[in-house]
Amino acid sequence: MAQLKPHNSVFQAELIAIKEACNWDSQSNQPIKIWTDSESSIHSISSLKTSSPLAQDIQSILLNSPNIKLRCIKAHVGHAGNESADLLAKTVTL
């Protein structure tokens, strides 16, 4: 499991979480959707010109794991899973 460092940005933390989910899910042959409210992460991962090593790692995982789909969800609009993830993220930063 990845460990965040004090110098990691929120953007890097989002990418690390997505990468960890992709790594965990890549072991399955089941169709899987990973939802994120981080539009900047989706943009970076989708870009062919991304300079982020984390985004490049995720691109590689997604290319080799067609069963994994990365999707964007609106933040703070009452999606139970997203609200739980936000609460958990806030809890670990206190």
N, C-alpha and C. Protein backbone atom coordinates (compact mmCIF):
# COMPACT_ATOMS: atom_id res chain seq x y z
N MET A 1 0.84 -1.18 0.00
CA MET A 1 0.00 0.00 0.00
C MET A 1 0.89 1.24 0.00
N ALA A 2 0.49 2.23 -0.77
CA ALA A 2 1.26 3.48 -0.88
C ALA A 2 1.16 4.29 0.40
N GLN A 3 2.21 5.01 0.67
CA GLN A 3 2.24 5.91 1.82
C GLN A 3 2.39 7.34 1.32
N LEU A 4 1.54 8.23 1.79
CA LEU A 4 1.68 9.64 1.44
C LEU A 4 2.79 10.26 2.26
N LYS A 5 3.47 11.19 1.66
CA LYS A 5 4.53 11.94 2.33
C LYS A 5 3.98 13.32 2.67
N PRO A 6 4.55 13.99 3.67
CA PRO A 6 4.05 15.33 4.02
C PRO A 6 4.10 16.33 2.86
N HIS A 7 5.00 16.13 1.92
CA HIS A 7 5.13 17.07 0.81
C HIS A 7 4.19 16.76 -0.36
N ASN A 8 3.44 15.64 -0.30
CA ASN A 8 2.53 15.31 -1.40
C ASN A 8 1.39 16.33 -1.48
N SER A 9 1.06 16.73 -2.71
CA SER A 9 -0.06 17.64 -2.94
C SER A 9 -1.37 16.85 -2.95
N VAL A 10 -2.48 17.56 -2.90
CA VAL A 10 -3.79 16.92 -3.00
C VAL A 10 -3.90 16.19 -4.34
N PHE A 11 -3.40 16.81 -5.41
CA PHE A 11 -3.41 16.19 -6.73
C PHE A 11 -2.64 14.87 -6.71
N GLN A 12 -1.45 14.87 -6.10
CA GLN A 12 -0.67 13.64 -6.02
C GLN A 12 -1.39 12.59 -5.18
N ALA A 13 -2.02 13.02 -4.11
CA ALA A 13 -2.76 12.08 -3.26
C ALA A 13 -3.91 11.44 -4.03
N GLU A 14 -4.61 12.23 -4.84
CA GLU A 14 -5.69 11.69 -5.67
C GLU A 14 -5.14 10.65 -6.65
N LEU A 15 -4.03 10.98 -7.31
CA LEU A 15 -3.43 10.04 -8.27
C LEU A 15 -2.94 8.77 -7.58
N ILE A 16 -2.35 8.92 -6.40
CA ILE A 16 -1.89 7.74 -5.65
C ILE A 16 -3.08 6.84 -5.32
N ALA A 17 -4.18 7.44 -4.88
CA ALA A 17 -5.38 6.65 -4.56
C ALA A 17 -5.92 5.92 -5.79
N ILE A 18 -5.96 6.61 -6.92
CA ILE A 18 -6.43 5.99 -8.16
C ILE A 18 -5.49 4.86 -8.57
N LYS A 19 -4.19 5.10 -8.48
CA LYS A 19 -3.22 4.06 -8.85
C LYS A 19 -3.36 2.84 -7.95
N GLU A 20 -3.52 3.06 -6.65
CA GLU A 20 -3.69 1.93 -5.73
C GLU A 20 -4.96 1.14 -6.07
N ALA A 21 -6.05 1.85 -6.38
CA ALA A 21 -7.29 1.16 -6.75
C ALA A 21 -7.10 0.37 -8.04
N CYS A 22 -6.41 0.96 -9.00
CA CYS A 22 -6.14 0.26 -10.27
C CYS A 22 -5.28 -0.98 -10.03
N ASN A 23 -4.24 -0.84 -9.22
CA ASN A 23 -3.37 -1.99 -8.93
C ASN A 23 -4.16 -3.10 -8.25
N TRP A 24 -4.99 -2.74 -7.31
CA TRP A 24 -5.80 -3.72 -6.59
C TRP A 24 -6.78 -4.39 -7.55
N ASP A 25 -7.42 -3.57 -8.40
CA ASP A 25 -8.43 -4.09 -9.32
C ASP A 25 -7.84 -4.86 -10.50
N SER A 26 -6.58 -4.59 -10.84
CA SER A 26 -6.00 -5.23 -12.03
C SER A 26 -5.84 -6.74 -11.85
N GLN A 27 -5.93 -7.21 -10.62
CA GLN A 27 -5.82 -8.64 -10.35
C GLN A 27 -7.11 -9.39 -10.67
N SER A 28 -8.18 -8.65 -10.90
CA SER A 28 -9.49 -9.25 -11.16
C SER A 28 -9.78 -9.25 -12.65
N ASN A 29 -10.52 -10.23 -13.09
CA ASN A 29 -10.98 -10.24 -14.48
C ASN A 29 -12.40 -9.72 -14.59
N GLN A 30 -12.92 -9.18 -13.49
CA GLN A 30 -14.26 -8.64 -13.47
C GLN A 30 -14.26 -7.20 -13.98
N PRO A 31 -15.34 -6.77 -14.65
CA PRO A 31 -15.43 -5.37 -15.05
C PRO A 31 -15.56 -4.49 -13.80
N ILE A 32 -14.75 -3.47 -13.73
CA ILE A 32 -14.69 -2.62 -12.54
C ILE A 32 -14.69 -1.16 -12.96
N LYS A 33 -15.45 -0.33 -12.23
CA LYS A 33 -15.43 1.11 -12.44
C LYS A 33 -14.84 1.76 -11.20
N ILE A 34 -13.87 2.63 -11.41
CA ILE A 34 -13.29 3.43 -10.33
C ILE A 34 -13.81 4.85 -10.53
N TRP A 35 -14.49 5.37 -9.51
CA TRP A 35 -15.07 6.70 -9.59
C TRP A 35 -14.20 7.68 -8.82
N THR A 36 -13.98 8.86 -9.39
CA THR A 36 -13.23 9.92 -8.72
C THR A 36 -13.91 11.26 -8.96
N ASP A 37 -13.80 12.15 -7.98
CA ASP A 37 -14.31 13.51 -8.17
C ASP A 37 -13.17 14.47 -8.55
N SER A 38 -12.01 13.91 -8.83
CA SER A 38 -10.85 14.72 -9.19
C SER A 38 -10.76 14.89 -10.70
N GLU A 39 -11.34 15.98 -11.19
CA GLU A 39 -11.30 16.24 -12.63
C GLU A 39 -9.87 16.44 -13.12
N SER A 40 -9.02 17.03 -12.28
CA SER A 40 -7.63 17.24 -12.69
C SER A 40 -6.91 15.91 -12.87
N SER A 41 -7.23 14.94 -12.04
CA SER A 41 -6.63 13.61 -12.19
C SER A 41 -7.08 12.94 -13.48
N ILE A 42 -8.38 13.01 -13.76
CA ILE A 42 -8.91 12.43 -14.99
C ILE A 42 -8.25 13.09 -16.20
N HIS A 43 -8.13 14.41 -16.16
CA HIS A 43 -7.51 15.14 -17.27
C HIS A 43 -6.06 14.70 -17.46
N SER A 44 -5.31 14.60 -16.38
CA SER A 44 -3.90 14.22 -16.46
C SER A 44 -3.74 12.79 -16.99
N ILE A 45 -4.57 11.89 -16.50
CA ILE A 45 -4.50 10.49 -16.93
C ILE A 45 -4.91 10.36 -18.40
N SER A 46 -5.87 11.17 -18.83
CA SER A 46 -6.36 11.10 -20.21
C SER A 46 -5.43 11.75 -21.22
N SER A 47 -4.53 12.58 -20.76
CA SER A 47 -3.66 13.33 -21.66
C SER A 47 -2.49 12.48 -22.16
N LEU A 48 -2.28 12.50 -23.46
CA LEU A 48 -1.12 11.79 -24.02
C LEU A 48 0.18 12.52 -23.71
N LYS A 49 0.07 13.78 -23.31
CA LYS A 49 1.26 14.58 -23.02
C LYS A 49 1.46 14.82 -21.53
N THR A 50 0.87 13.99 -20.69
CA THR A 50 1.01 14.19 -19.25
C THR A 50 2.47 14.08 -18.83
N SER A 51 2.87 14.94 -17.93
CA SER A 51 4.24 14.90 -17.42
C SER A 51 4.29 14.23 -16.05
N SER A 52 3.14 13.81 -15.54
CA SER A 52 3.08 13.19 -14.22
C SER A 52 3.45 11.71 -14.30
N PRO A 53 4.51 11.31 -13.60
CA PRO A 53 4.86 9.88 -13.58
C PRO A 53 3.73 9.01 -13.03
N LEU A 54 3.00 9.52 -12.04
CA LEU A 54 1.88 8.75 -11.49
C LEU A 54 0.79 8.55 -12.54
N ALA A 55 0.46 9.61 -13.27
CA ALA A 55 -0.55 9.50 -14.33
C ALA A 55 -0.09 8.54 -15.42
N GLN A 56 1.20 8.58 -15.75
CA GLN A 56 1.74 7.66 -16.75
C GLN A 56 1.65 6.22 -16.26
N ASP A 57 1.91 5.99 -14.98
CA ASP A 57 1.77 4.64 -14.42
C ASP A 57 0.32 4.16 -14.53
N ILE A 58 -0.62 5.04 -14.23
CA ILE A 58 -2.03 4.69 -14.31
C ILE A 58 -2.43 4.40 -15.75
N GLN A 59 -1.94 5.20 -16.69
CA GLN A 59 -2.21 4.95 -18.10
C GLN A 59 -1.77 3.54 -18.49
N SER A 60 -0.59 3.15 -18.04
CA SER A 60 -0.06 1.82 -18.35
C SER A 60 -0.95 0.72 -17.77
N ILE A 61 -1.36 0.91 -16.53
CA ILE A 61 -2.23 -0.09 -15.90
C ILE A 61 -3.54 -0.20 -16.67
N LEU A 62 -4.14 0.95 -17.02
CA LEU A 62 -5.42 0.93 -17.73
C LEU A 62 -5.29 0.31 -19.12
N LEU A 63 -4.17 0.55 -19.79
CA LEU A 63 -3.96 -0.06 -21.11
C LEU A 63 -3.86 -1.58 -21.02
N ASN A 64 -3.31 -2.07 -19.92
CA ASN A 64 -3.12 -3.50 -19.74
C ASN A 64 -4.27 -4.17 -19.00
N SER A 65 -5.24 -3.39 -18.56
CA SER A 65 -6.38 -3.93 -17.80
C SER A 65 -7.67 -3.35 -18.37
N PRO A 66 -8.12 -3.85 -19.50
CA PRO A 66 -9.31 -3.28 -20.14
C PRO A 66 -10.58 -3.45 -19.31
N ASN A 67 -10.54 -4.27 -18.28
CA ASN A 67 -11.70 -4.45 -17.42
C ASN A 67 -11.90 -3.28 -16.45
N ILE A 68 -10.88 -2.41 -16.31
CA ILE A 68 -10.97 -1.27 -15.39
C ILE A 68 -11.38 -0.03 -16.17
N LYS A 69 -12.42 0.62 -15.70
CA LYS A 69 -12.89 1.88 -16.28
C LYS A 69 -12.79 2.97 -15.22
N LEU A 70 -12.22 4.09 -15.59
CA LEU A 70 -12.08 5.23 -14.70
C LEU A 70 -13.16 6.24 -15.06
N ARG A 71 -13.94 6.66 -14.08
CA ARG A 71 -15.06 7.56 -14.32
C ARG A 71 -15.01 8.74 -13.35
N CYS A 72 -15.59 9.85 -13.79
CA CYS A 72 -15.65 11.06 -12.96
C CYS A 72 -17.05 11.18 -12.35
N ILE A 73 -17.10 11.62 -11.10
CA ILE A 73 -18.36 11.83 -10.40
C ILE A 73 -18.34 13.24 -9.83
N LYS A 74 -19.48 13.90 -9.80
CA LYS A 74 -19.54 15.25 -9.22
C LYS A 74 -19.33 15.15 -7.71
N ALA A 75 -18.55 16.09 -7.19
CA ALA A 75 -18.26 16.12 -5.76
C ALA A 75 -19.38 16.85 -5.00
N HIS A 76 -19.58 16.44 -3.77
CA HIS A 76 -20.45 17.14 -2.81
C HIS A 76 -21.89 17.31 -3.30
N VAL A 77 -22.41 16.28 -3.95
CA VAL A 77 -23.81 16.33 -4.39
C VAL A 77 -24.61 15.16 -3.82
N GLY A 78 -24.08 14.52 -2.80
CA GLY A 78 -24.84 13.50 -2.09
C GLY A 78 -24.63 12.06 -2.52
N HIS A 79 -23.65 11.77 -3.37
CA HIS A 79 -23.36 10.38 -3.71
C HIS A 79 -22.74 9.71 -2.48
N ALA A 80 -23.40 8.68 -1.97
CA ALA A 80 -23.00 8.07 -0.70
C ALA A 80 -21.54 7.64 -0.68
N GLY A 81 -21.08 6.95 -1.70
CA GLY A 81 -19.70 6.48 -1.73
C GLY A 81 -18.71 7.63 -1.75
N ASN A 82 -19.02 8.67 -2.51
CA ASN A 82 -18.14 9.83 -2.59
C ASN A 82 -18.11 10.59 -1.26
N GLU A 83 -19.26 10.74 -0.63
CA GLU A 83 -19.31 11.42 0.67
C GLU A 83 -18.53 10.63 1.72
N SER A 84 -18.63 9.30 1.68
CA SER A 84 -17.86 8.46 2.61
C SER A 84 -16.37 8.61 2.38
N ALA A 85 -15.96 8.64 1.12
CA ALA A 85 -14.54 8.81 0.80
C ALA A 85 -14.03 10.16 1.27
N ASP A 86 -14.83 11.21 1.09
CA ASP A 86 -14.43 12.55 1.55
C ASP A 86 -14.30 12.58 3.07
N LEU A 87 -15.24 11.96 3.77
CA LEU A 87 -15.19 11.92 5.24
C LEU A 87 -13.95 11.16 5.70
N LEU A 88 -13.66 10.04 5.06
CA LEU A 88 -12.47 9.26 5.42
C LEU A 88 -11.20 10.06 5.17
N ALA A 89 -11.14 10.77 4.05
CA ALA A 89 -9.97 11.59 3.74
C ALA A 89 -9.78 12.69 4.78
N LYS A 90 -10.87 13.31 5.20
CA LYS A 90 -10.78 14.36 6.22
C LYS A 90 -10.34 13.78 7.56
N THR A 91 -10.83 12.59 7.89
CA THR A 91 -10.49 11.95 9.15
C THR A 91 -9.00 11.69 9.26
N VAL A 92 -8.38 11.22 8.21
CA VAL A 92 -6.96 10.87 8.27
C VAL A 92 -6.05 12.10 8.25
N THR A 93 -6.60 13.26 7.91
CA THR A 93 -5.77 14.47 7.91
C THR A 93 -5.85 15.23 9.22
N LEU A 94 -6.69 14.79 10.14
CA LEU A 94 -6.81 15.48 11.43
C LEU A 94 -5.75 15.05 12.41
